[in-house]
Amino acid sequence: MKITVLGAGSWGTALSMTLWKNGHSVYLWTHDEKEAKYLKEKRKCMNLPEVVIPEEITILTSLEEAVKEGEILVYAVPSIFTRSMGERTRVFVRKEQILVTVSKGIEESTLYTMTDILEEFFPENKIAVLSGPSHAEEVSRFIPTTIVCASKDEETARTIQSAFISDTFRVYTNKDVLGVEIGAALKNVIALAAGIADGLGYGDNTMAALITRGIAEIARLGQAMGCHLETFAGLSGIGDLIVTCASRHSRNRRAGILIGQGESYEEAMKEVGQVVEGVYAAKAAKKLGEKYQVDLPIVNEVNAVLFEGKAAKDAVSDLMLRDRRSESPAVSYDK
């Protein structure tokens, strides 16, 4: 197939490599002329120094040409730019093209997921989302990875599954689009908390607690929104949460470590040097909790640290000293 990847960052580049390996004609678009020149001449992505981009991957800066070429369009820009990319591409997109978002986030102003935004601009197109535990640093080097594709349309999900699946990139399907996207977005907020705990010098017990109680928060919210509980036990739920909280590749964890060591979120993001999705998702996650009347203590404390000047150590203390309760309603003595 002919597949265009919109966004030549580390994730867009890694997915381009995966698609190239599968024998597709791949077009990688960047808005930046200097970046395009570097990619064409050096065949390198600045954030993936070990990877050589094959000559067969075509680098483009013309958005019209990039959109025109692809039977499938992969939106690989950070979540905060998904709306602007929808606006820029809608004059070129044809209704028979399949659109795939690989960004993880929730738009704060609307509380839309990334597929919601694409559906707003492209109501006639088939749309899917790819998500799961998949750091670009490893995907680009063909290290075995599993991921999930979700779409409201079964044929679309299976088409994307077939396009991406390989001996090093296994793709499952899932019809719970909202659940996949909620898991993807909120895990970045929990990963910030995990990084903050690392920055404070805490240990494995704290990490395990944040991951376990973090997935409980995500699942509570997801169920209140009508998602399937099983989704949060899968790749876009606990799988993505584990890797984002624990991996050395995780931007959110790295930013959290710096915040735990006393830096502001602005300073931490500048030092990380890439988009830290959890910072943008934190406010949206808190608003979703309020909208659906779901208790999200970790999300709320992350917001307090990021935006209200609360000391990280005080946030952890307040989490530990919350009212006593049962671990889960299903095993409560109150039932």
C-alpha atoms as a PDB file:
ATOM      1  CA  MET A   1       0.000   0.000   0.000  1.00  0.00           C
ATOM      2  CA  LYS A   2       0.932   3.666  -0.235  1.00  0.00           C
ATOM      3  CA  ILE A   3       1.049   5.102   3.288  1.00  0.00           C
ATOM      4  CA  THR A   4       1.807   8.657   4.388  1.00  0.00           C
ATOM      5  CA  VAL A   5       3.056   9.439   7.886  1.00  0.00           C
ATOM      6  CA  LEU A   6       2.344  13.028   8.903  1.00  0.00           C
ATOM      7  CA  GLY A   7       5.018  13.992  11.405  1.00  0.00           C
ATOM      8  CA  ALA A   8       8.713  13.109  11.235  1.00  0.00           C
ATOM      9  CA  GLY A   9       9.418  13.011  14.950  1.00  0.00           C
ATOM     10  CA  SER A  10      10.722   9.892  16.625  1.00  0.00           C
ATOM     11  CA  TRP A  11       7.360   8.092  16.633  1.00  0.00           C
ATOM     12  CA  GLY A  12       6.482   8.985  13.057  1.00  0.00           C
ATOM     13  CA  THR A  13       9.935   7.891  11.930  1.00  0.00           C
ATOM     14  CA  ALA A  14       9.717   4.609  13.852  1.00  0.00           C
ATOM     15  CA  LEU A  15       6.353   3.781  12.305  1.00  0.00           C
ATOM     16  CA  SER A  16       7.706   4.674   8.869  1.00  0.00           C
ATOM     17  CA  MET A  17      10.458   2.125   9.417  1.00  0.00           C
ATOM     18  CA  THR A  18       7.894  -0.495  10.418  1.00  0.00           C
ATOM     19  CA  LEU A  19       5.787   0.160   7.335  1.00  0.00           C
ATOM     20  CA  TRP A  20       8.859   0.161   5.074  1.00  0.00           C
ATOM     21  CA  LYS A  21       9.899  -3.217   6.512  1.00  0.00           C
ATOM     22  CA  ASN A  22       6.472  -4.538   5.528  1.00  0.00           C
ATOM     23  CA  GLY A  23       7.032  -3.567   1.890  1.00  0.00           C
ATOM     24  CA  HIS A  24       4.769  -0.530   1.657  1.00  0.00           C
ATOM     25  CA  SER A  25       5.530   2.669  -0.251  1.00  0.00           C
ATOM     26  CA  VAL A  26       6.105   5.109   2.621  1.00  0.00           C
ATOM     27  CA  TYR A  27       6.002   8.920   2.558  1.00  0.00           C
ATOM     28  CA  LEU A  28       7.241  10.771   5.646  1.00  0.00           C
ATOM     29  CA  TRP A  29       6.120  14.389   5.914  1.00  0.00           C
ATOM     30  CA  THR A  30       7.616  17.218   7.941  1.00  0.00           C
ATOM     31  CA  HIS A  31       6.653  20.894   7.914  1.00  0.00           C
ATOM     32  CA  ASP A  32      10.253  21.901   8.632  1.00  0.00           C
ATOM     33  CA  GLU A  33      12.463  22.439   5.564  1.00  0.00           C
ATOM     34  CA  LYS A  34      15.651  22.204   7.641  1.00  0.00           C
ATOM     35  CA  GLU A  35      14.505  18.937   9.188  1.00  0.00           C
ATOM     36  CA  ALA A  36      13.599  17.582   5.752  1.00  0.00           C
ATOM     37  CA  LYS A  37      17.058  18.489   4.419  1.00  0.00           C
ATOM     38  CA  TYR A  38      18.695  16.714   7.378  1.00  0.00           C
ATOM     39  CA  LEU A  39      16.503  13.622   6.925  1.00  0.00           C
ATOM     40  CA  LYS A  40      17.219  13.460   3.191  1.00  0.00           C
ATOM     41  CA  GLU A  41      20.964  14.013   3.444  1.00  0.00           C
ATOM     42  CA  LYS A  42      21.827  12.203   6.673  1.00  0.00           C
ATOM     43  CA  ARG A  43      18.984   9.643   6.602  1.00  0.00           C
ATOM     44  CA  LYS A  44      18.816  10.135  10.377  1.00  0.00           C
ATOM     45  CA  CYS A  45      16.210  11.280  12.895  1.00  0.00           C
ATOM     46  CA  MET A  46      17.807  13.521  15.520  1.00  0.00           C
ATOM     47  CA  ASN A  47      16.043  11.723  18.381  1.00  0.00           C
ATOM     48  CA  LEU A  48      16.877   8.244  17.031  1.00  0.00           C
ATOM     49  CA  PRO A  49      20.637   8.446  16.461  1.00  0.00           C
ATOM     50  CA  GLU A  50      21.130   4.686  16.041  1.00  0.00           C
ATOM     51  CA  VAL A  51      18.633   4.404  13.181  1.00  0.00           C
ATOM     52  CA  VAL A  52      19.340   4.820   9.470  1.00  0.00           C
ATOM     53  CA  ILE A  53      16.248   5.778   7.453  1.00  0.00           C
ATOM     54  CA  PRO A  54      16.112   3.725   4.238  1.00  0.00           C
ATOM     55  CA  GLU A  55      16.359   5.579   0.947  1.00  0.00           C
ATOM     56  CA  GLU A  56      13.028   4.035  -0.094  1.00  0.00           C
ATOM     57  CA  ILE A  57      11.186   6.191   2.471  1.00  0.00           C
ATOM     58  CA  THR A  58      10.306   9.410   0.645  1.00  0.00           C
ATOM     59  CA  ILE A  59      10.726  12.628   2.651  1.00  0.00           C
ATOM     60  CA  LEU A  60       8.207  15.345   1.776  1.00  0.00           C
ATOM     61  CA  THR A  61       7.514  18.918   2.889  1.00  0.00           C
ATOM     62  CA  SER A  62       4.514  19.549   0.627  1.00  0.00           C
ATOM     63  CA  LEU A  63       1.444  18.718   2.688  1.00  0.00           C
ATOM     64  CA  GLU A  64      -0.740  18.513  -0.411  1.00  0.00           C
ATOM     65  CA  GLU A  65       1.596  16.027  -2.043  1.00  0.00           C
ATOM     66  CA  ALA A  66       1.966  13.977   1.152  1.00  0.00           C
ATOM     67  CA  VAL A  67      -1.791  13.664   1.644  1.00  0.00           C
ATOM     68  CA  LYS A  68      -2.389  12.962  -2.045  1.00  0.00           C
ATOM     69  CA  GLU A  69       0.033  10.021  -2.071  1.00  0.00           C
ATOM     70  CA  GLY A  70      -1.353   7.988   0.818  1.00  0.00           C
ATOM     71  CA  GLU A  71      -4.116   5.392   0.802  1.00  0.00           C
ATOM     72  CA  ILE A  72      -3.646   5.501   4.581  1.00  0.00           C
ATOM     73  CA  LEU A  73      -2.757   8.710   6.414  1.00  0.00           C
ATOM     74  CA  VAL A  74      -1.029   8.312   9.775  1.00  0.00           C
ATOM     75  CA  TYR A  75      -1.359  11.399  11.992  1.00  0.00           C
ATOM     76  CA  ALA A  76       1.850  11.228  14.046  1.00  0.00           C
ATOM     77  CA  VAL A  77       2.016  14.767  15.415  1.00  0.00           C
ATOM     78  CA  PRO A  78       1.819  15.472  19.191  1.00  0.00           C
ATOM     79  CA  SER A  79      -1.752  15.512  20.473  1.00  0.00           C
ATOM     80  CA  ILE A  80      -1.741  19.301  20.938  1.00  0.00           C
ATOM     81  CA  PHE A  81      -1.262  19.676  17.166  1.00  0.00           C
ATOM     82  CA  THR A  82      -3.879  17.146  16.021  1.00  0.00           C
ATOM     83  CA  ARG A  83      -6.569  19.811  15.605  1.00  0.00           C
ATOM     84  CA  SER A  84      -4.335  22.108  13.577  1.00  0.00           C
ATOM     85  CA  MET A  85      -3.301  19.168  11.371  1.00  0.00           C
ATOM     86  CA  GLY A  86      -6.956  18.320  10.842  1.00  0.00           C
ATOM     87  CA  GLU A  87      -7.595  21.882   9.753  1.00  0.00           C
ATOM     88  CA  ARG A  88      -4.592  21.924   7.424  1.00  0.00           C
ATOM     89  CA  THR A  89      -5.276  18.571   5.776  1.00  0.00           C
ATOM     90  CA  ARG A  90      -9.033  18.667   5.318  1.00  0.00           C
ATOM     91  CA  VAL A  91      -8.794  20.491   1.981  1.00  0.00           C
ATOM     92  CA  PHE A  92      -6.683  17.619   0.609  1.00  0.00           C
ATOM     93  CA  VAL A  93      -8.142  14.482   2.226  1.00  0.00           C
ATOM     94  CA  ARG A  94     -10.331  12.217   0.086  1.00  0.00           C
ATOM     95  CA  LYS A  95     -13.203  10.331   1.679  1.00  0.00           C
ATOM     96  CA  GLU A  96     -11.810   6.924   0.631  1.00  0.00           C
ATOM     97  CA  GLN A  97      -8.577   7.443   2.600  1.00  0.00           C
ATOM     98  CA  ILE A  98      -8.218   5.719   5.982  1.00  0.00           C
ATOM     99  CA  LEU A  99      -7.018   8.012   8.782  1.00  0.00           C
ATOM    100  CA  VAL A 100      -5.020   6.691  11.730  1.00  0.00           C
ATOM    101  CA  THR A 101      -4.051   8.683  14.792  1.00  0.00           C
ATOM    102  CA  VAL A 102      -1.063   7.517  16.822  1.00  0.00           C
ATOM    103  CA  SER A 103      -1.101  10.442  19.276  1.00  0.00           C
ATOM    104  CA  LYS A 104      -2.025  10.037  22.938  1.00  0.00           C
ATOM    105  CA  GLY A 105      -3.951  12.838  24.571  1.00  0.00           C
ATOM    106  CA  ILE A 106      -7.211  14.612  25.351  1.00  0.00           C
ATOM    107  CA  GLU A 107      -7.955  18.107  24.120  1.00  0.00           C
ATOM    108  CA  GLU A 108      -8.410  20.238  27.239  1.00  0.00           C
ATOM    109  CA  SER A 109     -10.854  22.784  25.802  1.00  0.00           C
ATOM    110  CA  THR A 110     -13.303  20.209  24.370  1.00  0.00           C
ATOM    111  CA  LEU A 111     -12.345  16.985  26.228  1.00  0.00           C
ATOM    112  CA  TYR A 112     -12.181  15.370  22.781  1.00  0.00           C
ATOM    113  CA  THR A 113      -9.969  12.379  22.100  1.00  0.00           C
ATOM    114  CA  MET A 114      -7.801  12.362  18.987  1.00  0.00           C
ATOM    115  CA  THR A 115     -10.311  10.296  16.983  1.00  0.00           C
ATOM    116  CA  ASP A 116     -13.059  12.713  18.068  1.00  0.00           C
ATOM    117  CA  ILE A 117     -11.066  15.562  16.537  1.00  0.00           C
ATOM    118  CA  LEU A 118     -10.471  13.686  13.285  1.00  0.00           C
ATOM    119  CA  GLU A 119     -14.150  12.713  13.089  1.00  0.00           C
ATOM    120  CA  GLU A 120     -15.076  16.392  13.435  1.00  0.00           C
ATOM    121  CA  PHE A 121     -13.047  17.253  10.322  1.00  0.00           C
ATOM    122  CA  PHE A 122     -13.562  14.022   8.372  1.00  0.00           C
ATOM    123  CA  PRO A 123     -17.051  12.626   9.096  1.00  0.00           C
ATOM    124  CA  GLU A 124     -17.046  10.512   5.917  1.00  0.00           C
ATOM    125  CA  ASN A 125     -13.669   8.826   6.462  1.00  0.00           C
ATOM    126  CA  LYS A 126     -12.863   5.575   8.229  1.00  0.00           C
ATOM    127  CA  ILE A 127     -10.760   6.373  11.306  1.00  0.00           C
ATOM    128  CA  ALA A 128      -8.625   4.261  13.644  1.00  0.00           C
ATOM    129  CA  VAL A 129      -6.190   4.666  16.524  1.00  0.00           C
ATOM    130  CA  LEU A 130      -2.955   2.775  17.238  1.00  0.00           C
ATOM    131  CA  SER A 131      -1.823   2.602  20.846  1.00  0.00           C
ATOM    132  CA  GLY A 132       0.092   0.472  23.315  1.00  0.00           C
ATOM    133  CA  PRO A 133       3.494   0.009  24.973  1.00  0.00           C
ATOM    134  CA  SER A 134       5.713   1.066  22.096  1.00  0.00           C
ATOM    135  CA  HIS A 135       8.649   3.405  22.566  1.00  0.00           C
ATOM    136  CA  ALA A 136       9.980   4.723  19.261  1.00  0.00           C
ATOM    137  CA  GLU A 137      13.565   3.996  20.313  1.00  0.00           C
ATOM    138  CA  GLU A 138      12.780   0.262  20.267  1.00  0.00           C
ATOM    139  CA  VAL A 139      10.203   0.080  17.463  1.00  0.00           C
ATOM    140  CA  SER A 140      12.649   1.789  15.089  1.00  0.00           C
ATOM    141  CA  ARG A 141      15.211  -0.940  15.822  1.00  0.00           C
ATOM    142  CA  PHE A 142      12.652  -3.698  15.267  1.00  0.00           C
ATOM    143  CA  ILE A 143      12.624  -4.873  18.862  1.00  0.00           C
ATOM    144  CA  PRO A 144       9.525  -7.099  19.367  1.00  0.00           C
ATOM    145  CA  THR A 145       6.547  -4.917  20.278  1.00  0.00           C
ATOM    146  CA  THR A 146       2.802  -5.450  20.669  1.00  0.00           C
ATOM    147  CA  ILE A 147       0.213  -2.766  20.042  1.00  0.00           C
ATOM    148  CA  VAL A 148      -3.548  -2.444  19.578  1.00  0.00           C
ATOM    149  CA  CYS A 149      -5.597  -0.938  16.735  1.00  0.00           C
ATOM    150  CA  ALA A 150      -9.083   0.317  17.595  1.00  0.00           C
ATOM    151  CA  SER A 151     -11.782   1.468  15.224  1.00  0.00           C
ATOM    152  CA  LYS A 152     -15.567   1.663  15.218  1.00  0.00           C
ATOM    153  CA  ASP A 153     -15.411  -0.184  11.901  1.00  0.00           C
ATOM    154  CA  GLU A 154     -14.130  -3.779  11.978  1.00  0.00           C
ATOM    155  CA  GLU A 155     -12.872  -3.783   8.392  1.00  0.00           C
ATOM    156  CA  THR A 156     -10.845  -0.636   9.057  1.00  0.00           C
ATOM    157  CA  ALA A 157      -9.260  -2.130  12.173  1.00  0.00           C
ATOM    158  CA  ARG A 158      -8.308  -5.269  10.252  1.00  0.00           C
ATOM    159  CA  THR A 159      -6.914  -3.251   7.335  1.00  0.00           C
ATOM    160  CA  ILE A 160      -4.633  -1.301   9.670  1.00  0.00           C
ATOM    161  CA  GLN A 161      -3.712  -4.483  11.516  1.00  0.00           C
ATOM    162  CA  SER A 162      -2.616  -6.055   8.218  1.00  0.00           C
ATOM    163  CA  ALA A 163      -0.673  -2.960   7.161  1.00  0.00           C
ATOM    164  CA  PHE A 164       1.404  -2.767  10.337  1.00  0.00           C
ATOM    165  CA  ILE A 165       1.740  -6.331  11.619  1.00  0.00           C
ATOM    166  CA  SER A 166       5.106  -8.071  11.243  1.00  0.00           C
ATOM    167  CA  ASP A 167       7.401 -10.524  12.992  1.00  0.00           C
ATOM    168  CA  THR A 168       8.546  -7.692  15.291  1.00  0.00           C
ATOM    169  CA  PHE A 169       5.365  -5.590  15.497  1.00  0.00           C
ATOM    170  CA  ARG A 170       2.286  -7.548  16.542  1.00  0.00           C
ATOM    171  CA  VAL A 171      -1.038  -5.713  16.215  1.00  0.00           C
ATOM    172  CA  TYR A 172      -4.253  -6.721  17.974  1.00  0.00           C
ATOM    173  CA  THR A 173      -7.701  -5.280  17.208  1.00  0.00           C
ATOM    174  CA  ASN A 174     -10.150  -3.719  19.683  1.00  0.00           C
ATOM    175  CA  LYS A 175     -13.562  -2.144  19.072  1.00  0.00           C
ATOM    176  CA  ASP A 176     -13.414  -0.036  22.290  1.00  0.00           C
ATOM    177  CA  VAL A 177     -11.999   3.113  20.694  1.00  0.00           C
ATOM    178  CA  LEU A 178     -12.733   5.400  23.645  1.00  0.00           C
ATOM    179  CA  GLY A 179     -11.245   2.973  26.161  1.00  0.00           C
ATOM    180  CA  VAL A 180      -8.039   2.673  24.145  1.00  0.00           C
ATOM    181  CA  GLU A 181      -7.695   6.460  23.963  1.00  0.00           C
ATOM    182  CA  ILE A 182      -8.526   7.104  27.628  1.00  0.00           C
ATOM    183  CA  GLY A 183      -5.928   4.540  28.689  1.00  0.00           C
ATOM    184  CA  ALA A 184      -3.365   6.075  26.342  1.00  0.00           C
ATOM    185  CA  ALA A 185      -3.888   9.625  27.578  1.00  0.00           C
ATOM    186  CA  LEU A 186      -4.181   9.077  31.313  1.00  0.00           C
ATOM    187  CA  LYS A 187      -1.211   6.747  31.604  1.00  0.00           C
ATOM    188  CA  ASN A 188       1.002   9.737  30.788  1.00  0.00           C
ATOM    189  CA  VAL A 189      -0.327  11.575  33.845  1.00  0.00           C
ATOM    190  CA  ILE A 190       0.338   8.566  36.073  1.00  0.00           C
ATOM    191  CA  ALA A 191       3.835   8.283  34.563  1.00  0.00           C
ATOM    192  CA  LEU A 192       4.530  11.859  35.633  1.00  0.00           C
ATOM    193  CA  ALA A 193       3.602  10.820  39.175  1.00  0.00           C
ATOM    194  CA  ALA A 194       5.913   7.800  38.917  1.00  0.00           C
ATOM    195  CA  GLY A 195       8.751  10.029  37.755  1.00  0.00           C
ATOM    196  CA  ILE A 196       8.091  12.497  40.573  1.00  0.00           C
ATOM    197  CA  ALA A 197       8.353   9.609  43.054  1.00  0.00           C
ATOM    198  CA  ASP A 198      11.687   8.602  41.505  1.00  0.00           C
ATOM    199  CA  GLY A 199      12.875  12.200  41.705  1.00  0.00           C
ATOM    200  CA  LEU A 200      12.027  12.242  45.400  1.00  0.00           C
ATOM    201  CA  GLY A 201      14.202   9.165  45.904  1.00  0.00           C
ATOM    202  CA  TYR A 202      11.416   6.675  46.567  1.00  0.00           C
ATOM    203  CA  GLY A 203      11.682   3.059  45.515  1.00  0.00           C
ATOM    204  CA  ASP A 204      10.072   0.082  43.832  1.00  0.00           C
ATOM    205  CA  ASN A 205       7.267  -0.173  46.363  1.00  0.00           C
ATOM    206  CA  THR A 206       6.147   3.352  45.498  1.00  0.00           C
ATOM    207  CA  MET A 207       6.373   2.645  41.765  1.00  0.00           C
ATOM    208  CA  ALA A 208       4.268  -0.502  42.122  1.00  0.00           C
ATOM    209  CA  ALA A 209       1.698   1.402  44.170  1.00  0.00           C
ATOM    210  CA  LEU A 210       1.399   4.166  41.576  1.00  0.00           C
ATOM    211  CA  ILE A 211       1.051   1.735  38.681  1.00  0.00           C
ATOM    212  CA  THR A 212      -1.538  -0.393  40.473  1.00  0.00           C
ATOM    213  CA  ARG A 213      -3.619   2.446  41.863  1.00  0.00           C
ATOM    214  CA  GLY A 214      -3.094   4.388  38.653  1.00  0.00           C
ATOM    215  CA  ILE A 215      -4.738   1.718  36.505  1.00  0.00           C
ATOM    216  CA  ALA A 216      -7.563   1.592  39.052  1.00  0.00           C
ATOM    217  CA  GLU A 217      -8.156   5.331  38.510  1.00  0.00           C
ATOM    218  CA  ILE A 218      -8.021   5.013  34.733  1.00  0.00           C
ATOM    219  CA  ALA A 219     -10.412   2.068  34.742  1.00  0.00           C
ATOM    220  CA  ARG A 220     -12.878   3.823  37.078  1.00  0.00           C
ATOM    221  CA  LEU A 221     -13.043   6.809  34.789  1.00  0.00           C
ATOM    222  CA  GLY A 222     -13.205   4.675  31.665  1.00  0.00           C
ATOM    223  CA  GLN A 223     -16.102   2.621  32.978  1.00  0.00           C
ATOM    224  CA  ALA A 224     -17.976   5.774  33.967  1.00  0.00           C
ATOM    225  CA  MET A 225     -17.535   6.946  30.364  1.00  0.00           C
ATOM    226  CA  GLY A 226     -18.895   3.688  28.965  1.00  0.00           C
ATOM    227  CA  CYS A 227     -15.641   1.892  28.158  1.00  0.00           C
ATOM    228  CA  HIS A 228     -14.952  -1.822  28.602  1.00  0.00           C
ATOM    229  CA  LEU A 229     -13.047  -2.845  31.734  1.00  0.00           C
ATOM    230  CA  GLU A 230     -11.088  -5.440  29.714  1.00  0.00           C
ATOM    231  CA  THR A 231      -9.471  -2.683  27.652  1.00  0.00           C
ATOM    232  CA  PHE A 232      -7.666  -1.373  30.734  1.00  0.00           C
ATOM    233  CA  ALA A 233      -6.272  -4.844  31.459  1.00  0.00           C
ATOM    234  CA  GLY A 234      -4.791  -4.842  27.952  1.00  0.00           C
ATOM    235  CA  LEU A 235      -2.059  -3.210  25.919  1.00  0.00           C
ATOM    236  CA  SER A 236      -3.391   0.354  25.935  1.00  0.00           C
ATOM    237  CA  GLY A 237      -4.155   0.111  29.655  1.00  0.00           C
ATOM    238  CA  ILE A 238      -1.839  -1.672  32.060  1.00  0.00           C
ATOM    239  CA  GLY A 239       0.651  -2.496  29.280  1.00  0.00           C
ATOM    240  CA  ASP A 240       1.258   1.092  28.240  1.00  0.00           C
ATOM    241  CA  LEU A 241       1.128   2.266  31.850  1.00  0.00           C
ATOM    242  CA  ILE A 242       3.895  -0.113  32.939  1.00  0.00           C
ATOM    243  CA  VAL A 243       6.282   0.837  30.143  1.00  0.00           C
ATOM    244  CA  THR A 244       5.649   4.581  30.472  1.00  0.00           C
ATOM    245  CA  CYS A 245       6.113   4.570  34.241  1.00  0.00           C
ATOM    246  CA  ALA A 246       9.216   2.399  34.278  1.00  0.00           C
ATOM    247  CA  SER A 247      11.141   2.923  31.021  1.00  0.00           C
ATOM    248  CA  ARG A 248      14.264   5.011  30.599  1.00  0.00           C
ATOM    249  CA  HIS A 249      12.812   6.065  27.236  1.00  0.00           C
ATOM    250  CA  SER A 250       9.708   7.648  28.807  1.00  0.00           C
ATOM    251  CA  ARG A 251       9.569  11.447  28.407  1.00  0.00           C
ATOM    252  CA  ASN A 252       6.829  11.678  31.024  1.00  0.00           C
ATOM    253  CA  ARG A 253       8.862   9.743  33.576  1.00  0.00           C
ATOM    254  CA  ARG A 254      11.963  11.826  32.834  1.00  0.00           C
ATOM    255  CA  ALA A 255      10.011  15.055  33.251  1.00  0.00           C
ATOM    256  CA  GLY A 256       8.507  13.745  36.475  1.00  0.00           C
ATOM    257  CA  ILE A 257      11.944  12.944  37.878  1.00  0.00           C
ATOM    258  CA  LEU A 258      13.058  16.524  37.258  1.00  0.00           C
ATOM    259  CA  ILE A 259       9.882  17.893  38.866  1.00  0.00           C
ATOM    260  CA  GLY A 260      10.440  15.622  41.877  1.00  0.00           C
ATOM    261  CA  GLN A 261      13.931  17.093  42.142  1.00  0.00           C
ATOM    262  CA  GLY A 262      12.476  20.580  42.366  1.00  0.00           C
ATOM    263  CA  GLU A 263      12.151  21.865  38.799  1.00  0.00           C
ATOM    264  CA  SER A 264       8.947  23.444  37.486  1.00  0.00           C
ATOM    265  CA  TYR A 265       7.085  21.626  34.735  1.00  0.00           C
ATOM    266  CA  GLU A 266       8.241  24.313  32.256  1.00  0.00           C
ATOM    267  CA  GLU A 267      11.877  23.733  33.204  1.00  0.00           C
ATOM    268  CA  ALA A 268      11.420  19.968  33.041  1.00  0.00           C
ATOM    269  CA  MET A 269       9.827  20.070  29.599  1.00  0.00           C
ATOM    270  CA  LYS A 270      12.596  22.297  28.291  1.00  0.00           C
ATOM    271  CA  GLU A 271      15.249  19.911  29.606  1.00  0.00           C
ATOM    272  CA  VAL A 272      13.523  16.822  28.174  1.00  0.00           C
ATOM    273  CA  GLY A 273      13.451  18.634  24.838  1.00  0.00           C
ATOM    274  CA  GLN A 274      10.384  16.881  23.458  1.00  0.00           C
ATOM    275  CA  VAL A 275       6.627  17.149  24.016  1.00  0.00           C
ATOM    276  CA  VAL A 276       5.651  15.764  27.424  1.00  0.00           C
ATOM    277  CA  GLU A 277       2.080  14.652  26.768  1.00  0.00           C
ATOM    278  CA  GLY A 278       1.217  14.081  30.441  1.00  0.00           C
ATOM    279  CA  VAL A 279       1.515  17.793  31.232  1.00  0.00           C
ATOM    280  CA  TYR A 280      -1.114  18.584  28.601  1.00  0.00           C
ATOM    281  CA  ALA A 281      -3.344  15.652  29.572  1.00  0.00           C
ATOM    282  CA  ALA A 282      -3.340  16.384  33.308  1.00  0.00           C
ATOM    283  CA  LYS A 283      -5.870  19.228  33.268  1.00  0.00           C
ATOM    284  CA  ALA A 284      -8.132  17.399  30.829  1.00  0.00           C
ATOM    285  CA  ALA A 285      -8.039  14.264  32.983  1.00  0.00           C
ATOM    286  CA  LYS A 286      -9.024  16.268  36.060  1.00  0.00           C
ATOM    287  CA  LYS A 287     -11.915  17.853  34.139  1.00  0.00           C
ATOM    288  CA  LEU A 288     -13.109  14.418  33.013  1.00  0.00           C
ATOM    289  CA  GLY A 289     -13.054  13.197  36.615  1.00  0.00           C
ATOM    290  CA  GLU A 290     -15.177  16.163  37.650  1.00  0.00           C
ATOM    291  CA  LYS A 291     -17.554  15.747  34.700  1.00  0.00           C
ATOM    292  CA  TYR A 292     -18.191  12.060  35.400  1.00  0.00           C
ATOM    293  CA  GLN A 293     -17.942  12.422  39.213  1.00  0.00           C
ATOM    294  CA  VAL A 294     -15.084   9.926  39.489  1.00  0.00           C
ATOM    295  CA  ASP A 295     -12.440  10.166  42.205  1.00  0.00           C
ATOM    296  CA  LEU A 296      -8.964  10.519  40.629  1.00  0.00           C
ATOM    297  CA  PRO A 297      -6.606  11.181  43.552  1.00  0.00           C
ATOM    298  CA  ILE A 298      -3.327  10.668  41.686  1.00  0.00           C
ATOM    299  CA  VAL A 299      -4.463  12.835  38.772  1.00  0.00           C
ATOM    300  CA  ASN A 300      -5.593  15.543  41.194  1.00  0.00           C
ATOM    301  CA  GLU A 301      -2.297  15.550  43.081  1.00  0.00           C
ATOM    302  CA  VAL A 302      -0.299  15.714  39.828  1.00  0.00           C
ATOM    303  CA  ASN A 303      -2.340  18.777  38.856  1.00  0.00           C
ATOM    304  CA  ALA A 304      -1.661  20.360  42.238  1.00  0.00           C
ATOM    305  CA  VAL A 305       2.089  19.846  41.827  1.00  0.00           C
ATOM    306  CA  LEU A 306       2.203  21.012  38.207  1.00  0.00           C
ATOM    307  CA  PHE A 307      -0.091  24.017  38.318  1.00  0.00           C
ATOM    308  CA  GLU A 308      -0.788  24.983  41.924  1.00  0.00           C
ATOM    309  CA  GLY A 309       2.684  25.075  43.442  1.00  0.00           C
ATOM    310  CA  LYS A 310       2.179  22.128  45.771  1.00  0.00           C
ATOM    311  CA  ALA A 311       5.361  20.448  46.990  1.00  0.00           C
ATOM    312  CA  ALA A 312       5.783  16.981  45.491  1.00  0.00           C
ATOM    313  CA  LYS A 313       6.535  15.432  48.867  1.00  0.00           C
ATOM    314  CA  ASP A 314       3.315  16.877  50.308  1.00  0.00           C
ATOM    315  CA  ALA A 315       1.347  15.421  47.396  1.00  0.00           C
ATOM    316  CA  VAL A 316       2.684  11.935  48.108  1.00  0.00           C
ATOM    317  CA  SER A 317       1.941  12.332  51.818  1.00  0.00           C
ATOM    318  CA  ASP A 318      -1.627  13.403  51.093  1.00  0.00           C
ATOM    319  CA  LEU A 319      -2.125  10.384  48.840  1.00  0.00           C
ATOM    320  CA  MET A 320      -0.891   8.070  51.611  1.00  0.00           C
ATOM    321  CA  LEU A 321      -3.067   9.660  54.299  1.00  0.00           C
ATOM    322  CA  ARG A 322      -6.352   9.679  52.405  1.00  0.00           C
ATOM    323  CA  ASP A 323      -9.440   8.245  54.100  1.00  0.00           C
ATOM    324  CA  ARG A 324      -9.247   4.516  54.781  1.00  0.00           C
ATOM    325  CA  ARG A 325     -11.114   2.409  52.260  1.00  0.00           C
ATOM    326  CA  SER A 326     -11.393  -1.026  50.695  1.00  0.00           C
ATOM    327  CA  GLU A 327      -9.115  -1.838  47.768  1.00  0.00           C
ATOM    328  CA  SER A 328     -12.077  -2.402  45.447  1.00  0.00           C
ATOM    329  CA  PRO A 329     -15.871  -2.322  45.729  1.00  0.00           C
ATOM    330  CA  ALA A 330     -15.906  -5.952  44.587  1.00  0.00           C
ATOM    331  CA  VAL A 331     -14.002  -7.065  47.717  1.00  0.00           C
ATOM    332  CA  SER A 332     -15.411  -4.549  50.181  1.00  0.00           C
ATOM    333  CA  TYR A 333     -16.743  -5.586  53.600  1.00  0.00           C
ATOM    334  CA  ASP A 334     -19.536  -3.089  53.003  1.00  0.00           C
ATOM    335  CA  LYS A 335     -21.149  -5.219  50.293  1.00  0.00           C
END
